[in-house]
Amino acid sequence: MQPSTRCRVFARALLLLLSGLGVLVSPDSRAAFADPAYRAALLELGQRDQAFRTGLQSCIAGPTENARACWQRMRDSDAENLARLHALLWQHGWPLASRVGEDAAFNAFLVIQHAHPGIQASALPAVSVAVLQGELRPTALALLTDRVRVRAGLPQLYGTQSFRMSQWSVWLRAPVHAPEQLNERRRALGLPPLR
C-alpha cells in the first residue's frame, strides 16, 4: 500500500475511533474496559519499537552503506509496527490508559510518533482528546504536536524537537513559536520548564 493510501485509511480509522472516544471514557464505566490481551500486544509493540532504536547508534556508526541499511531496516520495522497497531485499533479501539494502562497506551503513541508524517498529523486529534481526558501522558501531545509542526515547516510549541548539526556534532532545538511563552505552554501541559 502506498504511503498516501495508508494515510487515508489510517485517518478514516482514527476518525471512526474518535467519534466513539467520549463514550468509551465515561467515569462510571472505565473499570469494564480492562483488557489484558490488548495491553500485552501494545507492550510487545512498544518493545519492538524501542529495541531497534536502542541499537541504532551502533548500527549506523559503520560505513555509509551499513548506515543506509540500518535506516532502511528501521523504516521497515516502523511500517510493520504501524500495520500491527492499525489492526489492533480496528480490533480493540483506541488504547485508553484506563483500559490498557498508561505504559501500553504510550507505546501505541510511540508507534504513531515514528510513523509517516501524514499518519502523525491524522493521529494528532485522537492524541489530543486522549491527553485532555487523562487517557494518555501529556508528553505525547507535546511530542506529536511539535513533530507535526516542524515537519510542516512551522515552529514548534513545546520545544521537544531538536536536530543534529553534524559538522559541529551538537544538537540544536528546532525553532520555537513565541519562545518567551515556551515554559508557560509546557507548564499548562504539566511538563517541566526548559532553559
N, C-alpha and C. Protein backbone atom coordinates (compact mmCIF):
# COMPACT_ATOMS: atom_id res chain seq x y z
N MET A 1 0.85 -1.18 0.00
CA MET A 1 0.00 0.00 0.00
C MET A 1 0.89 1.24 0.00
N GLN A 2 0.59 2.18 -0.85
CA GLN A 2 1.35 3.42 -0.94
C GLN A 2 1.16 4.27 0.32
N PRO A 3 2.19 5.10 0.70
CA PRO A 3 2.06 5.92 1.91
C PRO A 3 0.82 6.81 1.92
N SER A 4 0.47 7.42 0.77
CA SER A 4 -0.69 8.31 0.76
C SER A 4 -1.99 7.53 0.98
N THR A 5 -2.10 6.33 0.41
CA THR A 5 -3.28 5.49 0.63
C THR A 5 -3.33 5.04 2.08
N ARG A 6 -2.17 4.63 2.61
CA ARG A 6 -2.09 4.19 4.00
C ARG A 6 -2.52 5.32 4.94
N CYS A 7 -2.13 6.56 4.63
CA CYS A 7 -2.51 7.71 5.45
C CYS A 7 -4.01 7.92 5.44
N ARG A 8 -4.62 7.80 4.26
CA ARG A 8 -6.07 7.99 4.16
C ARG A 8 -6.82 6.91 4.95
N VAL A 9 -6.37 5.67 4.82
CA VAL A 9 -7.02 4.57 5.54
C VAL A 9 -6.86 4.77 7.04
N PHE A 10 -5.66 5.12 7.47
CA PHE A 10 -5.41 5.34 8.89
C PHE A 10 -6.23 6.52 9.40
N ALA A 11 -6.31 7.59 8.62
CA ALA A 11 -7.09 8.77 9.03
C ALA A 11 -8.57 8.41 9.20
N ARG A 12 -9.11 7.61 8.28
CA ARG A 12 -10.51 7.20 8.41
C ARG A 12 -10.71 6.38 9.68
N ALA A 13 -9.77 5.48 9.95
CA ALA A 13 -9.87 4.66 11.16
C ALA A 13 -9.83 5.53 12.40
N LEU A 14 -8.96 6.53 12.41
CA LEU A 14 -8.87 7.41 13.57
C LEU A 14 -10.14 8.22 13.76
N LEU A 15 -10.72 8.69 12.67
CA LEU A 15 -11.97 9.46 12.80
C LEU A 15 -13.09 8.60 13.37
N LEU A 16 -13.17 7.35 12.92
CA LEU A 16 -14.19 6.46 13.46
C LEU A 16 -13.94 6.20 14.95
N LEU A 17 -12.70 6.00 15.31
CA LEU A 17 -12.38 5.76 16.72
C LEU A 17 -12.62 6.99 17.56
N LEU A 18 -12.29 8.17 17.02
CA LEU A 18 -12.52 9.42 17.75
C LEU A 18 -14.00 9.65 18.02
N SER A 19 -14.83 9.27 17.07
CA SER A 19 -16.26 9.53 17.24
C SER A 19 -16.81 8.79 18.45
N GLY A 20 -16.19 7.68 18.82
CA GLY A 20 -16.66 6.94 19.99
C GLY A 20 -15.82 7.15 21.23
N LEU A 21 -14.77 7.93 21.15
CA LEU A 21 -13.85 8.07 22.28
C LEU A 21 -14.53 8.64 23.51
N GLY A 22 -15.36 9.66 23.35
CA GLY A 22 -16.02 10.26 24.50
C GLY A 22 -16.91 9.25 25.23
N VAL A 23 -17.52 8.36 24.51
CA VAL A 23 -18.38 7.35 25.11
C VAL A 23 -17.55 6.34 25.89
N LEU A 24 -16.39 5.99 25.36
CA LEU A 24 -15.57 4.95 25.99
C LEU A 24 -15.01 5.36 27.34
N VAL A 25 -14.86 6.64 27.62
CA VAL A 25 -14.18 7.05 28.84
C VAL A 25 -15.14 7.62 29.89
N SER A 26 -16.42 7.29 29.83
CA SER A 26 -17.32 7.79 30.86
C SER A 26 -16.86 7.24 32.21
N PRO A 27 -16.76 8.09 33.24
CA PRO A 27 -16.15 7.72 34.51
C PRO A 27 -16.71 6.46 35.15
N ASP A 28 -18.02 6.22 35.07
CA ASP A 28 -18.59 5.07 35.76
C ASP A 28 -18.42 3.76 35.00
N SER A 29 -17.87 3.79 33.78
CA SER A 29 -17.72 2.55 33.02
C SER A 29 -16.27 2.20 32.75
N ARG A 30 -15.31 2.95 33.28
CA ARG A 30 -13.91 2.69 33.00
C ARG A 30 -13.47 1.29 33.43
N ALA A 31 -13.88 0.83 34.59
CA ALA A 31 -13.43 -0.46 35.10
C ALA A 31 -13.82 -1.60 34.17
N ALA A 32 -14.89 -1.45 33.39
CA ALA A 32 -15.35 -2.51 32.50
C ALA A 32 -14.45 -2.68 31.29
N PHE A 33 -13.49 -1.80 31.07
CA PHE A 33 -12.68 -1.87 29.87
C PHE A 33 -11.29 -2.45 30.10
N ALA A 34 -11.02 -3.06 31.23
CA ALA A 34 -9.72 -3.70 31.44
C ALA A 34 -9.54 -4.76 30.37
N ASP A 35 -8.41 -4.69 29.66
CA ASP A 35 -8.18 -5.58 28.52
C ASP A 35 -6.73 -6.07 28.53
N PRO A 36 -6.43 -7.13 29.30
CA PRO A 36 -5.05 -7.59 29.43
C PRO A 36 -4.42 -8.07 28.11
N ALA A 37 -5.21 -8.66 27.23
CA ALA A 37 -4.64 -9.13 25.96
C ALA A 37 -4.21 -7.95 25.09
N TYR A 38 -5.03 -6.92 25.04
CA TYR A 38 -4.68 -5.71 24.28
C TYR A 38 -3.45 -5.07 24.89
N ARG A 39 -3.41 -4.99 26.22
CA ARG A 39 -2.26 -4.44 26.92
C ARG A 39 -0.98 -5.18 26.54
N ALA A 40 -1.03 -6.50 26.58
CA ALA A 40 0.16 -7.31 26.25
C ALA A 40 0.63 -7.05 24.82
N ALA A 41 -0.32 -6.96 23.89
CA ALA A 41 0.04 -6.69 22.49
C ALA A 41 0.70 -5.32 22.34
N LEU A 42 0.19 -4.33 23.05
CA LEU A 42 0.76 -2.98 22.97
C LEU A 42 2.13 -2.91 23.65
N LEU A 43 2.29 -3.61 24.74
CA LEU A 43 3.61 -3.64 25.40
C LEU A 43 4.65 -4.28 24.49
N GLU A 44 4.27 -5.37 23.84
CA GLU A 44 5.19 -6.02 22.90
C GLU A 44 5.52 -5.10 21.73
N LEU A 45 4.52 -4.40 21.23
CA LEU A 45 4.72 -3.47 20.12
C LEU A 45 5.70 -2.36 20.52
N GLY A 46 5.55 -1.84 21.72
CA GLY A 46 6.45 -0.80 22.21
C GLY A 46 7.88 -1.31 22.37
N GLN A 47 8.02 -2.54 22.83
CA GLN A 47 9.36 -3.12 22.95
C GLN A 47 10.02 -3.25 21.59
N ARG A 48 9.26 -3.67 20.60
CA ARG A 48 9.79 -3.78 19.23
C ARG A 48 10.23 -2.41 18.71
N ASP A 49 9.39 -1.39 18.96
CA ASP A 49 9.69 -0.03 18.51
C ASP A 49 10.99 0.47 19.14
N GLN A 50 11.14 0.28 20.43
CA GLN A 50 12.29 0.83 21.14
C GLN A 50 13.55 -0.02 21.00
N ALA A 51 13.41 -1.33 20.83
CA ALA A 51 14.57 -2.21 20.72
C ALA A 51 15.45 -1.80 19.55
N PHE A 52 14.85 -1.55 18.42
CA PHE A 52 15.65 -1.17 17.26
C PHE A 52 16.32 0.18 17.48
N ARG A 53 15.61 1.11 18.05
CA ARG A 53 16.16 2.45 18.27
C ARG A 53 17.30 2.45 19.29
N THR A 54 17.24 1.56 20.25
CA THR A 54 18.29 1.47 21.25
C THR A 54 19.63 1.10 20.60
N GLY A 55 19.60 0.23 19.62
CA GLY A 55 20.82 -0.19 18.96
C GLY A 55 21.16 0.57 17.70
N LEU A 56 20.38 1.58 17.37
CA LEU A 56 20.56 2.29 16.11
C LEU A 56 21.90 3.00 16.01
N GLN A 57 22.34 3.66 17.07
CA GLN A 57 23.60 4.40 17.01
C GLN A 57 24.77 3.50 16.64
N SER A 58 24.87 2.33 17.26
CA SER A 58 25.98 1.43 16.93
C SER A 58 25.83 0.89 15.51
N CYS A 59 24.59 0.72 15.06
CA CYS A 59 24.34 0.22 13.71
C CYS A 59 24.79 1.22 12.65
N ILE A 60 24.50 2.51 12.85
CA ILE A 60 24.82 3.50 11.82
C ILE A 60 26.23 4.05 11.93
N ALA A 61 26.98 3.63 12.97
CA ALA A 61 28.34 4.14 13.17
C ALA A 61 29.32 3.59 12.14
N GLY A 62 28.95 2.55 11.44
CA GLY A 62 29.86 1.92 10.48
C GLY A 62 29.90 2.65 9.15
N PRO A 63 30.34 1.94 8.11
CA PRO A 63 30.41 2.53 6.77
C PRO A 63 29.05 3.03 6.29
N THR A 64 29.07 3.96 5.35
CA THR A 64 27.85 4.60 4.86
C THR A 64 26.82 3.60 4.37
N GLU A 65 27.26 2.57 3.63
CA GLU A 65 26.29 1.59 3.11
C GLU A 65 25.62 0.83 4.25
N ASN A 66 26.35 0.60 5.36
CA ASN A 66 25.73 -0.04 6.53
C ASN A 66 24.70 0.89 7.16
N ALA A 67 25.04 2.18 7.25
CA ALA A 67 24.12 3.15 7.84
C ALA A 67 22.83 3.22 7.04
N ARG A 68 22.94 3.20 5.72
CA ARG A 68 21.74 3.23 4.88
C ARG A 68 20.88 2.00 5.14
N ALA A 69 21.52 0.85 5.26
CA ALA A 69 20.79 -0.39 5.53
C ALA A 69 20.11 -0.33 6.90
N CYS A 70 20.77 0.26 7.87
CA CYS A 70 20.19 0.40 9.22
C CYS A 70 18.94 1.27 9.18
N TRP A 71 19.05 2.42 8.51
CA TRP A 71 17.89 3.32 8.41
C TRP A 71 16.74 2.63 7.68
N GLN A 72 17.06 1.86 6.64
CA GLN A 72 16.00 1.16 5.91
C GLN A 72 15.34 0.10 6.79
N ARG A 73 16.14 -0.63 7.57
CA ARG A 73 15.56 -1.63 8.47
C ARG A 73 14.64 -0.96 9.49
N MET A 74 15.05 0.23 9.96
CA MET A 74 14.21 0.94 10.92
C MET A 74 12.89 1.37 10.26
N ARG A 75 12.96 1.89 9.04
CA ARG A 75 11.73 2.28 8.33
C ARG A 75 10.82 1.06 8.11
N ASP A 76 11.44 -0.08 7.74
CA ASP A 76 10.65 -1.30 7.55
C ASP A 76 10.00 -1.75 8.86
N SER A 77 10.76 -1.68 9.94
CA SER A 77 10.24 -2.05 11.25
C SER A 77 9.11 -1.12 11.66
N ASP A 78 9.27 0.18 11.43
CA ASP A 78 8.22 1.15 11.75
C ASP A 78 6.94 0.85 10.95
N ALA A 79 7.10 0.49 9.69
CA ALA A 79 5.93 0.18 8.86
C ALA A 79 5.22 -1.08 9.37
N GLU A 80 6.00 -2.09 9.77
CA GLU A 80 5.41 -3.31 10.33
C GLU A 80 4.68 -3.00 11.64
N ASN A 81 5.31 -2.20 12.49
CA ASN A 81 4.68 -1.84 13.77
C ASN A 81 3.39 -1.07 13.54
N LEU A 82 3.39 -0.17 12.57
CA LEU A 82 2.18 0.61 12.28
C LEU A 82 1.07 -0.29 11.75
N ALA A 83 1.42 -1.24 10.90
CA ALA A 83 0.40 -2.17 10.39
C ALA A 83 -0.20 -2.97 11.54
N ARG A 84 0.64 -3.40 12.46
CA ARG A 84 0.15 -4.16 13.62
C ARG A 84 -0.75 -3.26 14.50
N LEU A 85 -0.32 -2.02 14.74
CA LEU A 85 -1.13 -1.10 15.53
C LEU A 85 -2.48 -0.84 14.85
N HIS A 86 -2.46 -0.66 13.55
CA HIS A 86 -3.69 -0.43 12.80
C HIS A 86 -4.67 -1.58 13.01
N ALA A 87 -4.16 -2.81 12.93
CA ALA A 87 -5.01 -3.98 13.15
C ALA A 87 -5.55 -4.00 14.58
N LEU A 88 -4.71 -3.66 15.54
CA LEU A 88 -5.14 -3.63 16.94
C LEU A 88 -6.20 -2.55 17.17
N LEU A 89 -6.01 -1.38 16.54
CA LEU A 89 -7.00 -0.31 16.69
C LEU A 89 -8.36 -0.74 16.15
N TRP A 90 -8.37 -1.41 15.01
CA TRP A 90 -9.64 -1.87 14.44
C TRP A 90 -10.29 -2.92 15.33
N GLN A 91 -9.47 -3.76 15.92
CA GLN A 91 -10.00 -4.85 16.73
C GLN A 91 -10.45 -4.38 18.12
N HIS A 92 -9.67 -3.47 18.74
CA HIS A 92 -9.91 -3.13 20.14
C HIS A 92 -10.31 -1.67 20.39
N GLY A 93 -10.15 -0.79 19.42
CA GLY A 93 -10.42 0.63 19.63
C GLY A 93 -9.18 1.36 20.10
N TRP A 94 -9.36 2.66 20.33
CA TRP A 94 -8.23 3.50 20.75
C TRP A 94 -7.72 3.02 22.12
N PRO A 95 -6.40 2.92 22.31
CA PRO A 95 -5.86 2.39 23.57
C PRO A 95 -5.90 3.41 24.72
N LEU A 96 -6.91 3.32 25.54
CA LEU A 96 -7.07 4.22 26.67
C LEU A 96 -6.28 3.70 27.87
N ALA A 97 -5.66 4.61 28.60
CA ALA A 97 -4.90 4.22 29.78
C ALA A 97 -5.79 3.49 30.78
N SER A 98 -7.03 3.90 30.91
CA SER A 98 -7.95 3.25 31.85
C SER A 98 -8.28 1.82 31.43
N ARG A 99 -8.01 1.49 30.21
CA ARG A 99 -8.33 0.17 29.70
C ARG A 99 -7.11 -0.73 29.60
N VAL A 100 -5.95 -0.15 29.20
CA VAL A 100 -4.76 -0.97 28.96
C VAL A 100 -3.57 -0.56 29.82
N GLY A 101 -3.70 0.52 30.57
CA GLY A 101 -2.58 1.02 31.37
C GLY A 101 -1.86 2.15 30.66
N GLU A 102 -1.30 3.04 31.45
CA GLU A 102 -0.63 4.22 30.89
C GLU A 102 0.55 3.86 30.00
N ASP A 103 1.34 2.86 30.42
CA ASP A 103 2.52 2.48 29.64
C ASP A 103 2.14 1.87 28.29
N ALA A 104 1.13 1.04 28.25
CA ALA A 104 0.70 0.43 27.00
C ALA A 104 0.08 1.48 26.06
N ALA A 105 -0.70 2.40 26.62
CA ALA A 105 -1.27 3.47 25.80
C ALA A 105 -0.16 4.33 25.20
N PHE A 106 0.89 4.59 25.98
CA PHE A 106 2.00 5.39 25.48
C PHE A 106 2.78 4.63 24.40
N ASN A 107 2.86 3.30 24.52
CA ASN A 107 3.53 2.51 23.48
C ASN A 107 2.83 2.67 22.13
N ALA A 108 1.50 2.70 22.15
CA ALA A 108 0.76 2.92 20.89
C ALA A 108 1.13 4.28 20.32
N PHE A 109 1.22 5.27 21.18
CA PHE A 109 1.62 6.60 20.74
C PHE A 109 3.01 6.57 20.10
N LEU A 110 3.96 5.83 20.70
CA LEU A 110 5.32 5.78 20.15
C LEU A 110 5.32 5.27 18.71
N VAL A 111 4.50 4.29 18.43
CA VAL A 111 4.43 3.76 17.06
C VAL A 111 3.92 4.86 16.13
N ILE A 112 2.92 5.62 16.55
CA ILE A 112 2.41 6.73 15.74
C ILE A 112 3.48 7.81 15.59
N GLN A 113 4.20 8.10 16.67
CA GLN A 113 5.26 9.12 16.65
C GLN A 113 6.34 8.78 15.62
N HIS A 114 6.55 7.51 15.36
CA HIS A 114 7.59 7.08 14.42
C HIS A 114 7.02 6.71 13.05
N ALA A 115 5.78 7.07 12.80
CA ALA A 115 5.12 6.75 11.53
C ALA A 115 5.35 7.86 10.50
N HIS A 116 4.80 7.65 9.33
CA HIS A 116 4.83 8.60 8.22
C HIS A 116 4.20 9.93 8.68
N PRO A 117 4.71 11.09 8.22
CA PRO A 117 4.18 12.39 8.65
C PRO A 117 2.67 12.55 8.47
N GLY A 118 2.11 12.00 7.42
CA GLY A 118 0.66 12.10 7.22
C GLY A 118 -0.12 11.36 8.29
N ILE A 119 0.39 10.23 8.72
CA ILE A 119 -0.26 9.47 9.78
C ILE A 119 -0.13 10.21 11.10
N GLN A 120 1.02 10.81 11.34
CA GLN A 120 1.20 11.60 12.57
C GLN A 120 0.18 12.72 12.63
N ALA A 121 0.03 13.45 11.54
CA ALA A 121 -0.93 14.56 11.50
C ALA A 121 -2.36 14.04 11.68
N SER A 122 -2.68 12.89 11.08
CA SER A 122 -4.02 12.31 11.22
C SER A 122 -4.31 11.89 12.65
N ALA A 123 -3.28 11.46 13.36
CA ALA A 123 -3.46 10.96 14.73
C ALA A 123 -3.50 12.08 15.77
N LEU A 124 -3.07 13.28 15.41
CA LEU A 124 -2.99 14.37 16.38
C LEU A 124 -4.32 14.66 17.09
N PRO A 125 -5.46 14.69 16.39
CA PRO A 125 -6.73 14.92 17.12
C PRO A 125 -7.03 13.83 18.16
N ALA A 126 -6.78 12.57 17.82
CA ALA A 126 -7.04 11.48 18.76
C ALA A 126 -6.12 11.58 19.97
N VAL A 127 -4.85 11.90 19.72
CA VAL A 127 -3.90 12.06 20.82
C VAL A 127 -4.32 13.24 21.70
N SER A 128 -4.75 14.32 21.09
CA SER A 128 -5.20 15.50 21.86
C SER A 128 -6.37 15.15 22.78
N VAL A 129 -7.36 14.46 22.24
CA VAL A 129 -8.53 14.08 23.03
C VAL A 129 -8.12 13.15 24.17
N ALA A 130 -7.28 12.16 23.86
CA ALA A 130 -6.85 11.21 24.89
C ALA A 130 -6.09 11.92 26.02
N VAL A 131 -5.23 12.87 25.67
CA VAL A 131 -4.49 13.62 26.70
C VAL A 131 -5.45 14.47 27.52
N LEU A 132 -6.36 15.18 26.87
CA LEU A 132 -7.30 16.04 27.58
C LEU A 132 -8.21 15.26 28.52
N GLN A 133 -8.48 14.00 28.17
CA GLN A 133 -9.33 13.17 29.01
C GLN A 133 -8.53 12.35 30.03
N GLY A 134 -7.22 12.59 30.09
CA GLY A 134 -6.39 11.89 31.06
C GLY A 134 -6.09 10.45 30.70
N GLU A 135 -6.24 10.09 29.43
CA GLU A 135 -6.03 8.72 28.97
C GLU A 135 -4.67 8.51 28.32
N LEU A 136 -3.84 9.55 28.26
CA LEU A 136 -2.51 9.46 27.66
C LEU A 136 -1.65 10.54 28.29
N ARG A 137 -0.38 10.24 28.44
CA ARG A 137 0.54 11.20 29.05
C ARG A 137 0.60 12.50 28.24
N PRO A 138 0.64 13.65 28.92
CA PRO A 138 0.74 14.94 28.23
C PRO A 138 1.98 15.05 27.34
N THR A 139 3.03 14.33 27.69
CA THR A 139 4.24 14.32 26.86
C THR A 139 3.91 13.94 25.42
N ALA A 140 2.97 13.02 25.25
CA ALA A 140 2.60 12.57 23.91
C ALA A 140 2.08 13.72 23.06
N LEU A 141 1.23 14.55 23.64
CA LEU A 141 0.68 15.69 22.89
C LEU A 141 1.78 16.67 22.52
N ALA A 142 2.68 16.95 23.46
CA ALA A 142 3.78 17.88 23.16
C ALA A 142 4.67 17.33 22.05
N LEU A 143 5.06 16.07 22.16
CA LEU A 143 5.95 15.47 21.16
C LEU A 143 5.31 15.44 19.77
N LEU A 144 4.06 14.98 19.70
CA LEU A 144 3.42 14.84 18.40
C LEU A 144 3.08 16.20 17.79
N THR A 145 2.62 17.14 18.61
CA THR A 145 2.32 18.49 18.11
C THR A 145 3.58 19.10 17.50
N ASP A 146 4.67 19.03 18.23
CA ASP A 146 5.91 19.62 17.74
C ASP A 146 6.42 18.92 16.49
N ARG A 147 6.35 17.60 16.47
CA ARG A 147 6.84 16.87 15.30
C ARG A 147 6.02 17.21 14.06
N VAL A 148 4.71 17.26 14.20
CA VAL A 148 3.85 17.59 13.06
C VAL A 148 4.14 19.02 12.58
N ARG A 149 4.28 19.96 13.51
CA ARG A 149 4.54 21.35 13.14
C ARG A 149 5.90 21.51 12.46
N VAL A 150 6.93 20.88 13.02
CA VAL A 150 8.28 21.01 12.44
C VAL A 150 8.31 20.41 11.04
N ARG A 151 7.68 19.26 10.87
CA ARG A 151 7.66 18.63 9.54
C ARG A 151 6.85 19.44 8.53
N ALA A 152 5.94 20.27 9.03
CA ALA A 152 5.15 21.14 8.14
C ALA A 152 5.84 22.48 7.92
N GLY A 153 7.05 22.65 8.47
CA GLY A 153 7.79 23.89 8.31
C GLY A 153 7.37 24.99 9.26
N LEU A 154 6.66 24.62 10.32
CA LEU A 154 6.20 25.59 11.31
C LEU A 154 7.05 25.50 12.58
N PRO A 155 7.15 26.58 13.35
CA PRO A 155 7.89 26.49 14.61
C PRO A 155 7.13 25.63 15.62
N GLN A 156 7.88 24.90 16.42
CA GLN A 156 7.27 24.04 17.42
C GLN A 156 6.72 24.85 18.58
N LEU A 157 5.85 24.23 19.39
CA LEU A 157 5.22 24.91 20.52
C LEU A 157 5.83 24.54 21.87
N TYR A 158 6.36 23.32 21.99
CA TYR A 158 6.76 22.82 23.30
C TYR A 158 8.26 22.55 23.44
N GLY A 159 9.04 22.76 22.39
CA GLY A 159 10.48 22.60 22.48
C GLY A 159 10.97 21.18 22.58
N THR A 160 10.24 20.23 22.00
CA THR A 160 10.63 18.82 22.11
C THR A 160 11.49 18.33 20.94
N GLN A 161 11.56 19.10 19.86
CA GLN A 161 12.25 18.63 18.66
C GLN A 161 13.60 19.33 18.48
N SER A 162 14.62 18.51 18.27
CA SER A 162 15.97 19.02 18.03
C SER A 162 16.53 18.34 16.79
N PHE A 163 17.60 18.90 16.27
CA PHE A 163 18.28 18.28 15.13
C PHE A 163 19.77 18.37 15.36
N ARG A 164 20.50 17.45 14.74
CA ARG A 164 21.94 17.37 14.94
C ARG A 164 22.65 18.12 13.84
N MET A 165 23.54 19.00 14.24
CA MET A 165 24.42 19.69 13.30
C MET A 165 25.70 18.86 13.21
N SER A 166 25.77 18.01 12.17
CA SER A 166 26.87 17.04 12.10
C SER A 166 28.24 17.69 12.00
N GLN A 167 28.32 18.84 11.35
CA GLN A 167 29.63 19.47 11.21
C GLN A 167 30.19 19.92 12.56
N TRP A 168 29.30 20.14 13.55
CA TRP A 168 29.77 20.55 14.87
C TRP A 168 29.50 19.49 15.93
N SER A 169 28.82 18.41 15.55
CA SER A 169 28.44 17.35 16.49
C SER A 169 27.68 17.88 17.70
N VAL A 170 26.76 18.79 17.45
CA VAL A 170 25.92 19.32 18.52
C VAL A 170 24.45 19.21 18.11
N TRP A 171 23.59 19.22 19.11
CA TRP A 171 22.15 19.20 18.87
C TRP A 171 21.59 20.60 19.10
N LEU A 172 20.74 21.03 18.20
CA LEU A 172 20.10 22.34 18.32
C LEU A 172 18.58 22.15 18.35
N ARG A 173 17.92 22.93 19.17
CA ARG A 173 16.46 22.88 19.23
C ARG A 173 15.90 23.52 17.96
N ALA A 174 14.91 22.87 17.37
CA ALA A 174 14.22 23.45 16.21
C ALA A 174 13.54 24.74 16.66
N PRO A 175 13.33 25.69 15.74
CA PRO A 175 12.71 26.97 16.11
C PRO A 175 11.41 26.79 16.88
N VAL A 176 11.20 27.69 17.83
CA VAL A 176 10.03 27.63 18.72
C VAL A 176 9.17 28.87 18.50
N HIS A 177 7.86 28.69 18.41
CA HIS A 177 6.92 29.80 18.31
C HIS A 177 6.89 30.53 19.65
N ALA A 178 6.96 31.86 19.61
CA ALA A 178 6.91 32.70 20.82
C ALA A 178 7.72 32.08 21.95
N PRO A 179 9.04 32.02 21.79
CA PRO A 179 9.88 31.34 22.78
C PRO A 179 9.74 31.89 24.19
N GLU A 180 9.36 33.15 24.32
CA GLU A 180 9.19 33.73 25.66
C GLU A 180 8.00 33.09 26.40
N GLN A 181 7.12 32.41 25.66
CA GLN A 181 5.96 31.74 26.27
C GLN A 181 6.11 30.21 26.31
N LEU A 182 7.29 29.73 25.93
CA LEU A 182 7.52 28.28 25.85
C LEU A 182 7.24 27.59 27.17
N ASN A 183 7.84 28.06 28.25
CA ASN A 183 7.66 27.39 29.53
C ASN A 183 6.24 27.52 30.06
N GLU A 184 5.55 28.56 29.70
CA GLU A 184 4.14 28.71 30.07
C GLU A 184 3.29 27.64 29.39
N ARG A 185 3.55 27.41 28.09
CA ARG A 185 2.82 26.36 27.36
C ARG A 185 3.15 24.99 27.94
N ARG A 186 4.42 24.76 28.25
CA ARG A 186 4.84 23.48 28.84
C ARG A 186 4.16 23.28 30.20
N ARG A 187 4.14 24.30 31.01
CA ARG A 187 3.53 24.22 32.33
C ARG A 187 2.03 23.87 32.21
N ALA A 188 1.37 24.45 31.22
CA ALA A 188 -0.06 24.17 31.02
C ALA A 188 -0.32 22.69 30.74
N LEU A 189 0.68 22.02 30.15
CA LEU A 189 0.54 20.57 29.89
C LEU A 189 1.09 19.73 31.04
N GLY A 190 1.66 20.40 32.04
CA GLY A 190 2.25 19.66 33.17
C GLY A 190 3.67 19.19 32.89
N LEU A 191 4.35 19.85 31.95
CA LEU A 191 5.73 19.49 31.61
C LEU A 191 6.70 20.40 32.35
N PRO A 192 7.90 19.92 32.63
CA PRO A 192 8.89 20.78 33.30
C PRO A 192 9.39 21.87 32.36
N PRO A 193 9.89 22.97 32.92
CA PRO A 193 10.40 24.06 32.08
C PRO A 193 11.69 23.68 31.39
N LEU A 194 11.97 24.37 30.29
CA LEU A 194 13.25 24.24 29.59
C LEU A 194 14.04 25.52 29.79
N ARG A 195 15.33 25.42 29.69
CA ARG A 195 16.18 26.63 29.81
C ARG A 195 16.26 27.35 28.51
